[in-house]
PDB file of all heavy atoms in Angstrom:
ATOM      1  N   GLY A   1       1.948  -3.571  -8.317  1.00  0.00           N
ATOM      2  CA  GLY A   1       1.433  -3.298  -6.986  1.00  0.00           C
ATOM      3  C   GLY A   1       2.008  -2.036  -6.374  1.00  0.00           C
ATOM      4  O   GLY A   1       3.078  -1.553  -6.775  1.00  0.00           O
ATOM      5  N   ILE A   2       1.275  -1.477  -5.427  1.00  0.00           N
ATOM      6  CA  ILE A   2       1.729  -0.347  -4.623  1.00  0.00           C
ATOM      7  C   ILE A   2       1.612  -0.750  -3.156  1.00  0.00           C
ATOM      8  O   ILE A   2       0.657  -1.447  -2.754  1.00  0.00           O
ATOM      9  CB  ILE A   2       0.852   0.900  -4.864  1.00  0.00           C
ATOM     10  CG1 ILE A   2       0.898   1.339  -6.335  1.00  0.00           C
ATOM     11  CG2 ILE A   2       1.277   2.064  -3.969  1.00  0.00           C
ATOM     12  CD1 ILE A   2      -0.117   2.405  -6.690  1.00  0.00           C
ATOM     13  N   LYS A   3       2.571  -0.349  -2.345  1.00  0.00           N
ATOM     14  CA  LYS A   3       2.463  -0.597  -0.906  1.00  0.00           C
ATOM     15  C   LYS A   3       3.030   0.601  -0.138  1.00  0.00           C
ATOM     16  O   LYS A   3       3.770   1.422  -0.708  1.00  0.00           O
ATOM     17  CB  LYS A   3       3.191  -1.866  -0.513  1.00  0.00           C
ATOM     18  CG  LYS A   3       4.698  -1.827  -0.706  1.00  0.00           C
ATOM     19  CD  LYS A   3       5.344  -3.132  -0.249  1.00  0.00           C
ATOM     20  CE  LYS A   3       6.858  -3.074  -0.415  1.00  0.00           C
ATOM     21  NZ  LYS A   3       7.512  -4.351   0.043  1.00  0.00           N
ATOM     22  N   GLU A   4       2.636   0.685   1.108  1.00  0.00           N
ATOM     23  CA  GLU A   4       3.188   1.748   1.952  1.00  0.00           C
ATOM     24  C   GLU A   4       4.640   1.415   2.293  1.00  0.00           C
ATOM     25  O   GLU A   4       5.031   0.269   2.409  1.00  0.00           O
ATOM     26  CB  GLU A   4       2.387   1.885   3.242  1.00  0.00           C
ATOM     27  CG  GLU A   4       1.012   2.479   3.090  1.00  0.00           C
ATOM     28  CD  GLU A   4       0.367   2.783   4.413  1.00  0.00           C
ATOM     29  OE1 GLU A   4       1.101   3.005   5.398  1.00  0.00           O
ATOM     30  OE2 GLU A   4      -0.879   2.784   4.499  1.00  0.00           O
ATOM     31  N   THR A   5       5.432   2.471   2.449  1.00  0.00           N
ATOM     32  CA  THR A   5       6.811   2.290   2.902  1.00  0.00           C
ATOM     33  C   THR A   5       6.795   1.861   4.378  1.00  0.00           C
ATOM     34  O   THR A   5       5.801   2.074   5.083  1.00  0.00           O
ATOM     35  CB  THR A   5       7.609   3.590   2.746  1.00  0.00           C
ATOM     36  OG1 THR A   5       6.930   4.631   3.431  1.00  0.00           O
ATOM     37  CG2 THR A   5       7.741   3.972   1.282  1.00  0.00           C
ATOM     38  N   GLU A   6       7.867   1.264   4.799  1.00  0.00           N
ATOM     39  CA  GLU A   6       7.929   0.791   6.182  1.00  0.00           C
ATOM     40  C   GLU A   6       7.748   1.924   7.167  1.00  0.00           C
ATOM     41  O   GLU A   6       7.106   1.768   8.217  1.00  0.00           O
ATOM     42  CB  GLU A   6       9.271   0.080   6.435  1.00  0.00           C
ATOM     43  CG  GLU A   6       9.373  -1.254   5.714  1.00  0.00           C
ATOM     44  CD  GLU A   6      10.638  -1.998   6.109  1.00  0.00           C
ATOM     45  OE1 GLU A   6      11.373  -1.518   7.014  1.00  0.00           O
ATOM     46  OE2 GLU A   6      10.915  -3.068   5.521  1.00  0.00           O
ATOM     47  N   ALA A   7       8.306   3.075   6.837  1.00  0.00           N
ATOM     48  CA  ALA A   7       8.143   4.245   7.713  1.00  0.00           C
ATOM     49  C   ALA A   7       7.535   5.375   6.883  1.00  0.00           C
ATOM     50  O   ALA A   7       8.203   5.949   6.008  1.00  0.00           O
ATOM     51  CB  ALA A   7       9.505   4.677   8.280  1.00  0.00           C
ATOM     52  N   VAL A   8       6.265   5.657   7.159  1.00  0.00           N
ATOM     53  CA  VAL A   8       5.593   6.747   6.438  1.00  0.00           C
ATOM     54  C   VAL A   8       6.077   8.071   7.029  1.00  0.00           C
ATOM     55  O   VAL A   8       6.079   8.247   8.254  1.00  0.00           O
ATOM     56  CB  VAL A   8       4.069   6.622   6.571  1.00  0.00           C
ATOM     57  CG1 VAL A   8       3.367   7.805   5.923  1.00  0.00           C
ATOM     58  CG2 VAL A   8       3.598   5.327   5.956  1.00  0.00           C
ATOM     59  N   PRO A   9       6.520   9.016   6.165  1.00  0.00           N
ATOM     60  CA  PRO A   9       7.043  10.286   6.666  1.00  0.00           C
ATOM     61  C   PRO A   9       6.055  11.055   7.524  1.00  0.00           C
ATOM     62  O   PRO A   9       4.839  10.874   7.434  1.00  0.00           O
ATOM     63  CB  PRO A   9       7.372  11.052   5.379  1.00  0.00           C
ATOM     64  CG  PRO A   9       7.567   9.999   4.341  1.00  0.00           C
ATOM     65  CD  PRO A   9       6.620   8.898   4.716  1.00  0.00           C
ATOM     66  N   GLU A  10       6.579  11.920   8.372  1.00  0.00           N
ATOM     67  CA  GLU A  10       5.748  12.748   9.236  1.00  0.00           C
ATOM     68  C   GLU A  10       4.881  13.672   8.398  1.00  0.00           C
ATOM     69  O   GLU A  10       5.271  14.108   7.307  1.00  0.00           O
ATOM     70  CB  GLU A  10       6.663  13.577  10.161  1.00  0.00           C
ATOM     71  CG  GLU A  10       5.914  14.312  11.244  1.00  0.00           C
ATOM     72  CD  GLU A  10       6.858  15.083  12.160  1.00  0.00           C
ATOM     73  OE1 GLU A  10       8.073  15.108  11.875  1.00  0.00           O
ATOM     74  OE2 GLU A  10       6.367  15.670  13.158  1.00  0.00           O
ATOM     75  N   HIS A  11       3.686  13.950   8.860  1.00  0.00           N
ATOM     76  CA  HIS A  11       2.703  14.821   8.208  1.00  0.00           C
ATOM     77  C   HIS A  11       2.085  14.182   6.960  1.00  0.00           C
ATOM     78  O   HIS A  11       1.407  14.855   6.183  1.00  0.00           O
ATOM     79  CB  HIS A  11       3.303  16.175   7.822  1.00  0.00           C
ATOM     80  CG  HIS A  11       3.905  16.915   8.984  1.00  0.00           C
ATOM     81  ND1 HIS A  11       3.190  17.269  10.094  1.00  0.00           N
ATOM     82  CD2 HIS A  11       5.194  17.350   9.169  1.00  0.00           C
ATOM     83  CE1 HIS A  11       3.976  17.914  10.942  1.00  0.00           C
ATOM     84  NE2 HIS A  11       5.197  17.979  10.413  1.00  0.00           N
ATOM     85  N   VAL A  12       2.340  12.897   6.717  1.00  0.00           N
ATOM     86  CA  VAL A  12       1.824  12.215   5.527  1.00  0.00           C
ATOM     87  C   VAL A  12       0.841  11.109   5.950  1.00  0.00           C
ATOM     88  O   VAL A  12       1.157  10.339   6.866  1.00  0.00           O
ATOM     89  CB  VAL A  12       2.948  11.624   4.662  1.00  0.00           C
ATOM     90  CG1 VAL A  12       2.372  10.734   3.548  1.00  0.00           C
ATOM     91  CG2 VAL A  12       3.810  12.723   4.078  1.00  0.00           C
ATOM     92  N   THR A  13      -0.279  11.023   5.278  1.00  0.00           N
ATOM     93  CA  THR A  13      -1.253   9.944   5.503  1.00  0.00           C
ATOM     94  C   THR A  13      -1.532   9.279   4.164  1.00  0.00           C
ATOM     95  O   THR A  13      -1.904   9.963   3.193  1.00  0.00           O
ATOM     96  CB  THR A  13      -2.563  10.499   6.072  1.00  0.00           C
ATOM     97  OG1 THR A  13      -2.291  11.185   7.288  1.00  0.00           O
ATOM     98  CG2 THR A  13      -3.542   9.358   6.328  1.00  0.00           C
ATOM     99  N   VAL A  14      -1.343   7.982   4.082  1.00  0.00           N
ATOM    100  CA  VAL A  14      -1.610   7.237   2.847  1.00  0.00           C
ATOM    101  C   VAL A  14      -3.024   6.669   2.906  1.00  0.00           C
ATOM    102  O   VAL A  14      -3.383   5.972   3.874  1.00  0.00           O
ATOM    103  CB  VAL A  14      -0.579   6.091   2.653  1.00  0.00           C
ATOM    104  CG1 VAL A  14      -0.916   5.305   1.379  1.00  0.00           C
ATOM    105  CG2 VAL A  14       0.829   6.674   2.547  1.00  0.00           C
ATOM    106  N   GLU A  15      -3.804   6.980   1.882  1.00  0.00           N
ATOM    107  CA  GLU A  15      -5.204   6.535   1.813  1.00  0.00           C
ATOM    108  C   GLU A  15      -5.375   5.518   0.699  1.00  0.00           C
ATOM    109  O   GLU A  15      -5.123   5.833  -0.470  1.00  0.00           O
ATOM    110  CB  GLU A  15      -6.116   7.739   1.571  1.00  0.00           C
ATOM    111  CG  GLU A  15      -6.003   8.827   2.630  1.00  0.00           C
ATOM    112  CD  GLU A  15      -6.690  10.121   2.214  1.00  0.00           C
ATOM    113  OE1 GLU A  15      -6.980  10.291   1.013  1.00  0.00           O
ATOM    114  OE2 GLU A  15      -6.936  10.963   3.105  1.00  0.00           O
ATOM    115  N   PRO A  16      -5.793   4.279   1.015  1.00  0.00           N
ATOM    116  CA  PRO A  16      -5.997   3.283  -0.041  1.00  0.00           C
ATOM    117  C   PRO A  16      -7.211   3.593  -0.892  1.00  0.00           C
ATOM    118  O   PRO A  16      -8.243   4.030  -0.370  1.00  0.00           O
ATOM    119  CB  PRO A  16      -6.192   1.976   0.751  1.00  0.00           C
ATOM    120  CG  PRO A  16      -6.696   2.407   2.085  1.00  0.00           C
ATOM    121  CD  PRO A  16      -6.068   3.750   2.360  1.00  0.00           C
ATOM    122  N   LEU A  17      -7.113   3.341  -2.204  1.00  0.00           N
ATOM    123  CA  LEU A  17      -8.227   3.571  -3.127  1.00  0.00           C
ATOM    124  C   LEU A  17      -8.698   2.265  -3.760  1.00  0.00           C
ATOM    125  O   LEU A  17      -9.903   1.999  -3.802  1.00  0.00           O
ATOM    126  CB  LEU A  17      -7.797   4.545  -4.235  1.00  0.00           C
ATOM    127  CG  LEU A  17      -7.340   5.948  -3.774  1.00  0.00           C
ATOM    128  CD1 LEU A  17      -6.850   6.736  -4.971  1.00  0.00           C
ATOM    129  CD2 LEU A  17      -8.479   6.677  -3.087  1.00  0.00           C
ATOM    130  N   LEU A  18      -7.752   1.456  -4.241  1.00  0.00           N
ATOM    131  CA  LEU A  18      -8.071   0.194  -4.912  1.00  0.00           C
ATOM    132  C   LEU A  18      -7.160  -0.879  -4.366  1.00  0.00           C
ATOM    133  O   LEU A  18      -5.948  -0.646  -4.202  1.00  0.00           O
ATOM    134  CB  LEU A  18      -7.883   0.315  -6.427  1.00  0.00           C
ATOM    135  CG  LEU A  18      -8.597   1.469  -7.139  1.00  0.00           C
ATOM    136  CD1 LEU A  18      -8.143   1.567  -8.600  1.00  0.00           C
ATOM    137  CD2 LEU A  18     -10.106   1.294  -7.065  1.00  0.00           C
ATOM    138  N   GLU A  19      -7.690  -2.080  -4.100  1.00  0.00           N
ATOM    139  CA  GLU A  19      -6.881  -3.118  -3.464  1.00  0.00           C
ATOM    140  C   GLU A  19      -7.216  -4.489  -4.030  1.00  0.00           C
ATOM    141  O   GLU A  19      -8.388  -4.783  -4.324  1.00  0.00           O
ATOM    142  CB  GLU A  19      -7.129  -3.100  -1.962  1.00  0.00           C
ATOM    143  CG  GLU A  19      -6.211  -4.017  -1.165  1.00  0.00           C
ATOM    144  CD  GLU A  19      -6.488  -3.945   0.322  1.00  0.00           C
ATOM    145  OE1 GLU A  19      -7.672  -4.026   0.731  1.00  0.00           O
ATOM    146  OE2 GLU A  19      -5.534  -3.796   1.098  1.00  0.00           O
ATOM    147  N   THR A  20      -6.181  -5.314  -4.192  1.00  0.00           N
ATOM    148  CA  THR A  20      -6.390  -6.701  -4.622  1.00  0.00           C
ATOM    149  C   THR A  20      -6.657  -7.572  -3.396  1.00  0.00           C
ATOM    150  O   THR A  20      -6.575  -7.134  -2.253  1.00  0.00           O
ATOM    151  CB  THR A  20      -5.165  -7.220  -5.370  1.00  0.00           C
ATOM    152  OG1 THR A  20      -4.039  -7.269  -4.475  1.00  0.00           O
ATOM    153  CG2 THR A  20      -4.820  -6.319  -6.561  1.00  0.00           C
ATOM    154  N   SER A  21      -6.957  -8.845  -3.647  1.00  0.00           N
ATOM    155  CA  SER A  21      -7.241  -9.761  -2.543  1.00  0.00           C
ATOM    156  C   SER A  21      -5.947 -10.284  -1.947  1.00  0.00           C
ATOM    157  O   SER A  21      -4.852 -10.125  -2.523  1.00  0.00           O
ATOM    158  CB  SER A  21      -8.100 -10.918  -3.030  1.00  0.00           C
ATOM    159  OG  SER A  21      -7.313 -11.836  -3.747  1.00  0.00           O
ATOM    160  N   ASP A  22      -6.063 -10.974  -0.804  1.00  0.00           N
ATOM    161  CA  ASP A  22      -4.863 -11.575  -0.193  1.00  0.00           C
ATOM    162  C   ASP A  22      -4.438 -12.838  -0.935  1.00  0.00           C
ATOM    163  O   ASP A  22      -3.436 -13.472  -0.580  1.00  0.00           O
ATOM    164  CB  ASP A  22      -5.103 -11.871   1.287  1.00  0.00           C
ATOM    165  CG  ASP A  22      -6.322 -12.755   1.528  1.00  0.00           C
ATOM    166  OD1 ASP A  22      -6.925 -13.205   0.504  1.00  0.00           O
ATOM    167  OD2 ASP A  22      -6.662 -12.981   2.686  1.00  0.00           O
ATOM    168  N   LYS A  23      -5.191 -13.217  -1.988  1.00  0.00           N
ATOM    169  CA  LYS A  23      -4.819 -14.365  -2.821  1.00  0.00           C
ATOM    170  C   LYS A  23      -4.050 -13.935  -4.066  1.00  0.00           C
ATOM    171  O   LYS A  23      -3.690 -14.777  -4.892  1.00  0.00           O
ATOM    172  CB  LYS A  23      -6.064 -15.131  -3.271  1.00  0.00           C
ATOM    173  CG  LYS A  23      -6.837 -15.768  -2.118  1.00  0.00           C
ATOM    174  CD  LYS A  23      -8.060 -16.510  -2.630  1.00  0.00           C
ATOM    175  CE  LYS A  23      -8.839 -17.163  -1.485  1.00  0.00           C
ATOM    176  NZ  LYS A  23     -10.037 -17.884  -2.001  1.00  0.00           N
ATOM    177  N   SER A  24      -3.779 -12.652  -4.201  1.00  0.00           N
ATOM    178  CA  SER A  24      -3.052 -12.159  -5.371  1.00  0.00           C
ATOM    179  C   SER A  24      -1.541 -12.267  -5.133  1.00  0.00           C
ATOM    180  O   SER A  24      -1.066 -12.426  -4.014  1.00  0.00           O
ATOM    181  CB  SER A  24      -3.414 -10.700  -5.634  1.00  0.00           C
ATOM    182  OG  SER A  24      -3.063  -9.864  -4.540  1.00  0.00           O
ATOM    183  N   PHE A  25      -0.793 -12.198  -6.233  1.00  0.00           N
ATOM    184  CA  PHE A  25       0.677 -12.229  -6.154  1.00  0.00           C
ATOM    185  C   PHE A  25       1.244 -11.447  -7.317  1.00  0.00           C
ATOM    186  O   PHE A  25       0.560 -11.157  -8.306  1.00  0.00           O
ATOM    187  CB  PHE A  25       1.207 -13.661  -6.123  1.00  0.00           C
ATOM    188  CG  PHE A  25       0.903 -14.462  -7.359  1.00  0.00           C
ATOM    189  CD1 PHE A  25       1.808 -14.495  -8.423  1.00  0.00           C
ATOM    190  CD2 PHE A  25      -0.279 -15.195  -7.471  1.00  0.00           C
ATOM    191  CE1 PHE A  25       1.519 -15.240  -9.577  1.00  0.00           C
ATOM    192  CE2 PHE A  25      -0.554 -15.937  -8.612  1.00  0.00           C
ATOM    193  CZ  PHE A  25       0.340 -15.960  -9.670  1.00  0.00           C
ATOM    194  N   ALA A  26       2.522 -11.078  -7.220  1.00  0.00           N
ATOM    195  CA  ALA A  26       3.209 -10.311  -8.254  1.00  0.00           C
ATOM    196  C   ALA A  26       4.266 -11.170  -8.911  1.00  0.00           C
ATOM    197  O   ALA A  26       5.153 -11.695  -8.234  1.00  0.00           O
ATOM    198  CB  ALA A  26       3.831  -9.042  -7.674  1.00  0.00           C
ATOM    199  N   ARG A  27       4.150 -11.358 -10.236  1.00  0.00           N
ATOM    200  CA  ARG A  27       5.114 -12.193 -10.968  1.00  0.00           C
ATOM    201  C   ARG A  27       6.099 -11.293 -11.726  1.00  0.00           C
ATOM    202  O   ARG A  27       5.729 -10.491 -12.577  1.00  0.00           O
ATOM    203  CB  ARG A  27       4.337 -13.067 -11.969  1.00  0.00           C
ATOM    204  CG  ARG A  27       5.198 -13.839 -12.977  1.00  0.00           C
ATOM    205  CD  ARG A  27       6.151 -14.832 -12.310  1.00  0.00           C
ATOM    206  NE  ARG A  27       5.483 -15.767 -11.418  1.00  0.00           N
ATOM    207  CZ  ARG A  27       4.993 -16.942 -11.840  1.00  0.00           C
ATOM    208  NH1 ARG A  27       5.092 -17.295 -13.097  1.00  0.00           N
ATOM    209  NH2 ARG A  27       4.427 -17.746 -10.965  1.00  0.00           N
TER     210      ARG A  27
END
């Protein structure tokens, strides 16, 4: 998985491309 950091640095915008469902989990 990939996630945004708690504090995104200044001048940076994170754009999602592909996303799993809220029923997914990481083992």
